[in-house]
Amino acid sequence: MFKPEQPWSYGLSIPHDPRAVGVVRATIRSVLAAARLDCIVDTVELLASELVTNAYRYSEADAYVSMDWEPGDFRVSVWDHGGGSPKPQSADADDEQGRGLALVESCADEWGVRDYPNGKNVWFRLATKGESR
């Protein structure tokens, strides 16, 4: 089975456009399939979608998504120009939004927010031990 030995990164600048979420999902699926990281693709796609949706919803500018892999570790970061430090919320059963960061918190091995003068970086990490195809 092919596994890259050296760490790698992919970055994607995304416009402030509702279609960007679909582009990010497709890109993640392609990158992880090529890297034979199928074992995490569904989770990464879901969690990245949540972060990109939040970047679109709470910022009025373009955003940037990075995917970084090193043996045993995969990280996705979303940079946007929105203010504030997001926190998971509890949503009622009939709420149509408000579950994104709670999903990230429950599914990721680790996640966090880094504030910057002109925005923030929301990231999550998944362990990739036991990678398989």
N, C-alpha and C. Protein backbone atom coordinates (compact mmCIF):
# COMPACT_ATOMS: atom_id res chain seq x y z
N MET A 1 0.84 -1.18 0.00
CA MET A 1 0.00 0.00 0.00
C MET A 1 0.89 1.25 0.00
N PHE A 2 0.51 2.22 -0.78
CA PHE A 2 1.24 3.49 -0.87
C PHE A 2 0.90 4.39 0.30
N LYS A 3 1.92 4.85 0.97
CA LYS A 3 1.77 5.90 1.98
C LYS A 3 2.94 6.84 1.81
N PRO A 4 2.67 8.13 1.66
CA PRO A 4 3.81 9.05 1.55
C PRO A 4 4.60 9.05 2.85
N GLU A 5 5.91 9.11 2.70
CA GLU A 5 6.76 9.12 3.89
C GLU A 5 7.01 10.51 4.42
N GLN A 6 6.96 11.50 3.54
CA GLN A 6 7.22 12.88 3.93
C GLN A 6 5.91 13.61 4.21
N PRO A 7 5.91 14.48 5.19
CA PRO A 7 4.71 15.31 5.44
C PRO A 7 4.34 16.10 4.18
N TRP A 8 3.05 16.39 4.02
CA TRP A 8 2.60 17.19 2.89
C TRP A 8 1.49 18.14 3.34
N SER A 9 1.30 19.17 2.51
CA SER A 9 0.27 20.18 2.76
C SER A 9 -0.40 20.57 1.45
N TYR A 10 -1.67 20.85 1.53
CA TYR A 10 -2.42 21.44 0.43
C TYR A 10 -3.15 22.65 0.98
N GLY A 11 -3.24 23.69 0.19
CA GLY A 11 -3.96 24.89 0.59
C GLY A 11 -4.94 25.29 -0.49
N LEU A 12 -6.01 25.89 -0.06
CA LEU A 12 -7.07 26.28 -0.99
C LEU A 12 -7.63 27.62 -0.56
N SER A 13 -7.47 28.62 -1.40
CA SER A 13 -8.13 29.92 -1.17
C SER A 13 -9.55 29.79 -1.66
N ILE A 14 -10.49 30.20 -0.84
CA ILE A 14 -11.89 30.06 -1.23
C ILE A 14 -12.58 31.42 -1.18
N PRO A 15 -13.37 31.71 -2.19
CA PRO A 15 -14.08 32.99 -2.21
C PRO A 15 -15.24 32.98 -1.22
N HIS A 16 -15.67 34.15 -0.87
CA HIS A 16 -16.86 34.27 -0.02
C HIS A 16 -18.07 33.99 -0.90
N ASP A 17 -18.38 32.72 -1.04
CA ASP A 17 -19.40 32.25 -1.96
C ASP A 17 -19.99 30.97 -1.37
N PRO A 18 -21.30 30.82 -1.36
CA PRO A 18 -21.88 29.62 -0.75
C PRO A 18 -21.46 28.32 -1.44
N ARG A 19 -21.02 28.37 -2.68
CA ARG A 19 -20.58 27.17 -3.38
C ARG A 19 -19.21 26.69 -2.90
N ALA A 20 -18.51 27.51 -2.15
CA ALA A 20 -17.17 27.15 -1.69
C ALA A 20 -17.17 25.90 -0.83
N VAL A 21 -18.21 25.68 -0.07
CA VAL A 21 -18.28 24.48 0.79
C VAL A 21 -18.20 23.23 -0.07
N GLY A 22 -18.94 23.19 -1.16
CA GLY A 22 -18.91 22.03 -2.05
C GLY A 22 -17.55 21.83 -2.69
N VAL A 23 -16.89 22.93 -3.06
CA VAL A 23 -15.56 22.85 -3.64
C VAL A 23 -14.58 22.28 -2.62
N VAL A 24 -14.66 22.74 -1.39
CA VAL A 24 -13.77 22.24 -0.34
C VAL A 24 -14.03 20.75 -0.10
N ARG A 25 -15.28 20.35 -0.03
CA ARG A 25 -15.61 18.93 0.18
C ARG A 25 -15.03 18.06 -0.93
N ALA A 26 -15.21 18.47 -2.18
CA ALA A 26 -14.69 17.70 -3.31
C ALA A 26 -13.16 17.65 -3.29
N THR A 27 -12.53 18.76 -2.94
CA THR A 27 -11.07 18.81 -2.88
C THR A 27 -10.56 17.87 -1.80
N ILE A 28 -11.17 17.91 -0.63
CA ILE A 28 -10.76 17.02 0.46
C ILE A 28 -10.91 15.57 0.04
N ARG A 29 -12.02 15.23 -0.54
CA ARG A 29 -12.26 13.85 -0.97
C ARG A 29 -11.17 13.41 -1.97
N SER A 30 -10.83 14.27 -2.93
CA SER A 30 -9.80 13.93 -3.92
C SER A 30 -8.42 13.78 -3.29
N VAL A 31 -8.06 14.74 -2.44
CA VAL A 31 -6.74 14.71 -1.82
C VAL A 31 -6.59 13.47 -0.93
N LEU A 32 -7.58 13.18 -0.12
CA LEU A 32 -7.48 12.03 0.78
C LEU A 32 -7.53 10.71 0.02
N ALA A 33 -8.29 10.64 -1.06
CA ALA A 33 -8.31 9.42 -1.87
C ALA A 33 -6.93 9.19 -2.50
N ALA A 34 -6.33 10.25 -3.03
CA ALA A 34 -5.00 10.12 -3.63
C ALA A 34 -3.95 9.71 -2.60
N ALA A 35 -4.12 10.16 -1.36
CA ALA A 35 -3.18 9.82 -0.29
C ALA A 35 -3.54 8.50 0.39
N ARG A 36 -4.61 7.87 -0.07
CA ARG A 36 -5.10 6.61 0.51
C ARG A 36 -5.41 6.74 1.99
N LEU A 37 -6.07 7.83 2.29
CA LEU A 37 -6.53 8.07 3.66
C LEU A 37 -8.05 7.97 3.71
N ASP A 38 -8.58 6.97 3.02
CA ASP A 38 -10.03 6.78 2.95
C ASP A 38 -10.66 6.57 4.33
N CYS A 39 -9.87 6.10 5.28
CA CYS A 39 -10.39 5.81 6.61
C CYS A 39 -10.89 7.05 7.34
N ILE A 40 -10.46 8.24 6.92
CA ILE A 40 -10.89 9.46 7.61
C ILE A 40 -11.67 10.41 6.72
N VAL A 41 -11.87 10.07 5.45
CA VAL A 41 -12.42 11.03 4.49
C VAL A 41 -13.80 11.53 4.90
N ASP A 42 -14.70 10.68 5.34
CA ASP A 42 -16.06 11.13 5.68
C ASP A 42 -16.04 12.11 6.85
N THR A 43 -15.25 11.79 7.87
CA THR A 43 -15.18 12.67 9.04
C THR A 43 -14.54 14.00 8.69
N VAL A 44 -13.44 13.96 7.94
CA VAL A 44 -12.76 15.21 7.56
C VAL A 44 -13.69 16.07 6.70
N GLU A 45 -14.36 15.46 5.76
CA GLU A 45 -15.26 16.20 4.88
C GLU A 45 -16.38 16.87 5.69
N LEU A 46 -16.97 16.16 6.63
CA LEU A 46 -18.04 16.72 7.46
C LEU A 46 -17.52 17.88 8.31
N LEU A 47 -16.42 17.67 9.00
CA LEU A 47 -15.92 18.71 9.91
C LEU A 47 -15.41 19.93 9.16
N ALA A 48 -14.73 19.72 8.06
CA ALA A 48 -14.27 20.86 7.26
C ALA A 48 -15.46 21.64 6.71
N SER A 49 -16.51 20.95 6.30
CA SER A 49 -17.72 21.63 5.82
C SER A 49 -18.29 22.55 6.88
N GLU A 50 -18.31 22.09 8.11
CA GLU A 50 -18.82 22.90 9.20
C GLU A 50 -17.97 24.16 9.39
N LEU A 51 -16.65 24.00 9.36
CA LEU A 51 -15.78 25.17 9.56
C LEU A 51 -15.87 26.15 8.40
N VAL A 52 -15.94 25.65 7.18
CA VAL A 52 -16.04 26.53 6.02
C VAL A 52 -17.40 27.23 6.00
N THR A 53 -18.46 26.53 6.37
CA THR A 53 -19.78 27.15 6.46
C THR A 53 -19.76 28.29 7.47
N ASN A 54 -19.13 28.05 8.62
CA ASN A 54 -19.03 29.12 9.63
C ASN A 54 -18.22 30.30 9.11
N ALA A 55 -17.13 30.01 8.38
CA ALA A 55 -16.32 31.10 7.82
C ALA A 55 -17.15 31.93 6.86
N TYR A 56 -17.97 31.28 6.06
CA TYR A 56 -18.84 32.00 5.12
C TYR A 56 -19.91 32.80 5.87
N ARG A 57 -20.50 32.18 6.87
CA ARG A 57 -21.61 32.79 7.59
C ARG A 57 -21.16 33.98 8.45
N TYR A 58 -19.99 33.90 9.06
CA TYR A 58 -19.60 34.91 10.04
C TYR A 58 -18.49 35.84 9.57
N SER A 59 -18.12 35.76 8.32
CA SER A 59 -17.12 36.66 7.75
C SER A 59 -17.63 37.12 6.40
N GLU A 60 -17.20 38.28 5.98
CA GLU A 60 -17.65 38.80 4.69
C GLU A 60 -16.55 38.78 3.65
N ALA A 61 -15.47 38.08 3.93
CA ALA A 61 -14.32 38.06 3.02
C ALA A 61 -13.97 36.62 2.66
N ASP A 62 -13.02 36.49 1.74
CA ASP A 62 -12.54 35.17 1.35
C ASP A 62 -11.90 34.47 2.54
N ALA A 63 -11.72 33.17 2.41
CA ALA A 63 -11.11 32.37 3.47
C ALA A 63 -10.02 31.49 2.86
N TYR A 64 -9.31 30.79 3.71
CA TYR A 64 -8.25 29.89 3.27
C TYR A 64 -8.34 28.60 4.07
N VAL A 65 -8.22 27.48 3.37
CA VAL A 65 -8.28 26.16 4.00
C VAL A 65 -6.95 25.47 3.75
N SER A 66 -6.38 24.90 4.80
CA SER A 66 -5.17 24.10 4.61
C SER A 66 -5.40 22.70 5.16
N MET A 67 -4.79 21.74 4.49
CA MET A 67 -4.80 20.34 4.91
C MET A 67 -3.35 19.93 5.07
N ASP A 68 -2.99 19.44 6.24
CA ASP A 68 -1.61 19.09 6.53
C ASP A 68 -1.54 17.67 7.09
N TRP A 69 -0.69 16.84 6.49
CA TRP A 69 -0.53 15.47 6.94
C TRP A 69 0.92 15.20 7.30
N GLU A 70 1.09 14.50 8.38
CA GLU A 70 2.37 13.89 8.71
C GLU A 70 2.01 12.53 9.28
N PRO A 71 2.91 11.58 9.26
CA PRO A 71 2.54 10.23 9.69
C PRO A 71 1.80 10.23 11.03
N GLY A 72 0.60 9.67 11.00
CA GLY A 72 -0.22 9.56 12.21
C GLY A 72 -1.09 10.75 12.53
N ASP A 73 -1.05 11.82 11.71
CA ASP A 73 -1.75 13.04 12.07
C ASP A 73 -2.23 13.79 10.83
N PHE A 74 -3.50 14.18 10.80
CA PHE A 74 -4.05 14.98 9.72
C PHE A 74 -4.75 16.18 10.33
N ARG A 75 -4.44 17.37 9.82
CA ARG A 75 -4.98 18.61 10.37
C ARG A 75 -5.60 19.44 9.26
N VAL A 76 -6.76 20.03 9.57
CA VAL A 76 -7.42 20.98 8.67
C VAL A 76 -7.55 22.28 9.43
N SER A 77 -7.19 23.38 8.77
CA SER A 77 -7.31 24.72 9.35
C SER A 77 -8.08 25.60 8.39
N VAL A 78 -8.97 26.42 8.94
CA VAL A 78 -9.73 27.37 8.14
C VAL A 78 -9.47 28.76 8.71
N TRP A 79 -8.88 29.62 7.89
CA TRP A 79 -8.62 31.01 8.27
C TRP A 79 -9.71 31.87 7.67
N ASP A 80 -10.27 32.77 8.49
CA ASP A 80 -11.23 33.74 7.96
C ASP A 80 -11.00 35.08 8.64
N HIS A 81 -11.72 36.09 8.19
CA HIS A 81 -11.54 37.45 8.70
C HIS A 81 -12.63 37.84 9.70
N GLY A 82 -13.41 36.87 10.13
CA GLY A 82 -14.45 37.15 11.11
C GLY A 82 -13.86 37.35 12.49
N GLY A 83 -14.56 38.09 13.30
CA GLY A 83 -14.11 38.33 14.66
C GLY A 83 -14.66 37.30 15.62
N GLY A 84 -14.19 37.38 16.82
CA GLY A 84 -14.70 36.52 17.88
C GLY A 84 -14.06 35.15 17.88
N SER A 85 -14.23 34.48 18.99
CA SER A 85 -13.69 33.14 19.16
C SER A 85 -14.87 32.18 19.30
N PRO A 86 -15.17 31.39 18.26
CA PRO A 86 -16.36 30.54 18.30
C PRO A 86 -16.26 29.47 19.37
N LYS A 87 -17.41 29.11 19.91
CA LYS A 87 -17.52 28.08 20.94
C LYS A 87 -18.67 27.15 20.57
N PRO A 88 -18.56 25.87 20.89
CA PRO A 88 -19.68 24.95 20.63
C PRO A 88 -20.92 25.40 21.38
N GLN A 89 -22.06 25.21 20.74
CA GLN A 89 -23.35 25.54 21.35
C GLN A 89 -24.18 24.29 21.47
N SER A 90 -25.17 24.33 22.35
CA SER A 90 -26.14 23.24 22.33
C SER A 90 -27.35 23.72 21.56
N ALA A 91 -27.80 22.88 20.65
CA ALA A 91 -28.94 23.24 19.82
C ALA A 91 -30.13 22.38 20.21
N ASP A 92 -31.31 22.96 20.15
CA ASP A 92 -32.52 22.19 20.37
C ASP A 92 -32.75 21.26 19.19
N ALA A 93 -33.54 20.23 19.39
CA ALA A 93 -33.79 19.22 18.36
C ALA A 93 -34.34 19.82 17.08
N ASP A 94 -35.12 20.89 17.18
CA ASP A 94 -35.73 21.47 15.98
C ASP A 94 -34.93 22.64 15.40
N ASP A 95 -33.78 22.97 15.99
CA ASP A 95 -32.93 24.02 15.44
C ASP A 95 -32.29 23.55 14.14
N GLU A 96 -32.22 24.46 13.17
CA GLU A 96 -31.64 24.11 11.87
C GLU A 96 -30.16 24.44 11.78
N GLN A 97 -29.60 25.06 12.78
CA GLN A 97 -28.16 25.36 12.79
C GLN A 97 -27.67 25.39 14.22
N GLY A 98 -26.36 25.56 14.39
CA GLY A 98 -25.80 25.66 15.72
C GLY A 98 -25.13 24.40 16.23
N ARG A 99 -24.99 23.38 15.38
CA ARG A 99 -24.38 22.13 15.81
C ARG A 99 -22.96 21.93 15.28
N GLY A 100 -22.49 22.81 14.41
CA GLY A 100 -21.21 22.60 13.73
C GLY A 100 -20.02 22.40 14.63
N LEU A 101 -19.79 23.32 15.56
CA LEU A 101 -18.63 23.17 16.43
C LEU A 101 -18.81 22.04 17.44
N ALA A 102 -20.05 21.74 17.80
CA ALA A 102 -20.29 20.59 18.68
C ALA A 102 -19.90 19.30 17.95
N LEU A 103 -20.18 19.23 16.65
CA LEU A 103 -19.74 18.08 15.84
C LEU A 103 -18.22 18.01 15.80
N VAL A 104 -17.58 19.14 15.56
CA VAL A 104 -16.12 19.18 15.52
C VAL A 104 -15.57 18.70 16.86
N GLU A 105 -16.11 19.22 17.94
CA GLU A 105 -15.64 18.85 19.27
C GLU A 105 -15.80 17.36 19.55
N SER A 106 -16.90 16.77 19.09
CA SER A 106 -17.14 15.37 19.40
C SER A 106 -16.42 14.41 18.46
N CYS A 107 -16.11 14.83 17.24
CA CYS A 107 -15.52 13.91 16.26
C CYS A 107 -14.00 14.05 16.10
N ALA A 108 -13.46 15.22 16.37
CA ALA A 108 -12.03 15.44 16.19
C ALA A 108 -11.26 14.95 17.41
N ASP A 109 -10.02 14.55 17.18
CA ASP A 109 -9.16 14.18 18.30
C ASP A 109 -8.73 15.42 19.08
N GLU A 110 -8.68 16.54 18.39
CA GLU A 110 -8.32 17.81 19.01
C GLU A 110 -8.81 18.92 18.09
N TRP A 111 -9.15 20.07 18.65
CA TRP A 111 -9.54 21.21 17.83
C TRP A 111 -9.27 22.47 18.63
N GLY A 112 -9.27 23.60 17.93
CA GLY A 112 -9.05 24.84 18.64
C GLY A 112 -9.24 26.05 17.74
N VAL A 113 -9.03 27.21 18.36
CA VAL A 113 -9.17 28.49 17.66
C VAL A 113 -7.96 29.32 18.01
N ARG A 114 -7.37 29.94 17.00
CA ARG A 114 -6.29 30.90 17.21
C ARG A 114 -6.77 32.23 16.68
N ASP A 115 -6.77 33.23 17.54
CA ASP A 115 -7.18 34.57 17.12
C ASP A 115 -5.98 35.32 16.56
N TYR A 116 -6.24 36.11 15.53
CA TYR A 116 -5.24 36.95 14.90
C TYR A 116 -5.81 38.36 14.81
N PRO A 117 -4.96 39.36 14.58
CA PRO A 117 -5.48 40.74 14.52
C PRO A 117 -6.57 40.94 13.46
N ASN A 118 -6.50 40.22 12.35
CA ASN A 118 -7.49 40.40 11.28
C ASN A 118 -8.36 39.16 11.07
N GLY A 119 -8.57 38.38 12.09
CA GLY A 119 -9.42 37.21 11.93
C GLY A 119 -9.02 36.09 12.87
N LYS A 120 -9.28 34.87 12.40
CA LYS A 120 -9.01 33.71 13.24
C LYS A 120 -8.72 32.48 12.39
N ASN A 121 -8.20 31.46 13.04
CA ASN A 121 -7.92 30.16 12.45
C ASN A 121 -8.63 29.13 13.32
N VAL A 122 -9.59 28.43 12.75
CA VAL A 122 -10.25 27.34 13.46
C VAL A 122 -9.73 26.06 12.84
N TRP A 123 -9.27 25.13 13.67
CA TRP A 123 -8.61 23.94 13.17
C TRP A 123 -9.09 22.70 13.91
N PHE A 124 -8.87 21.54 13.28
CA PHE A 124 -9.08 20.27 13.96
C PHE A 124 -8.03 19.28 13.50
N ARG A 125 -7.83 18.28 14.32
CA ARG A 125 -6.83 17.25 14.06
C ARG A 125 -7.47 15.89 14.25
N LEU A 126 -7.11 14.96 13.34
CA LEU A 126 -7.52 13.56 13.47
C LEU A 126 -6.28 12.69 13.42
N ALA A 127 -6.24 11.69 14.28
CA ALA A 127 -5.16 10.71 14.22
C ALA A 127 -5.41 9.83 13.00
N THR A 128 -4.35 9.45 12.31
CA THR A 128 -4.50 8.60 11.13
C THR A 128 -3.81 7.26 11.31
N LYS A 129 -3.61 6.84 12.53
CA LYS A 129 -3.04 5.51 12.77
C LYS A 129 -4.02 4.47 12.24
N GLY A 130 -3.49 3.41 11.70
CA GLY A 130 -4.37 2.39 11.15
C GLY A 130 -4.91 2.76 9.80
N GLU A 131 -4.20 3.62 9.07
CA GLU A 131 -4.64 4.03 7.74
C GLU A 131 -4.78 2.79 6.88
N SER A 132 -5.86 2.76 6.10
CA SER A 132 -6.05 1.60 5.24
C SER A 132 -6.81 1.99 4.01
N ARG A 133 -6.84 1.11 3.11
CA ARG A 133 -7.62 1.34 1.90
C ARG A 133 -8.46 0.15 1.62
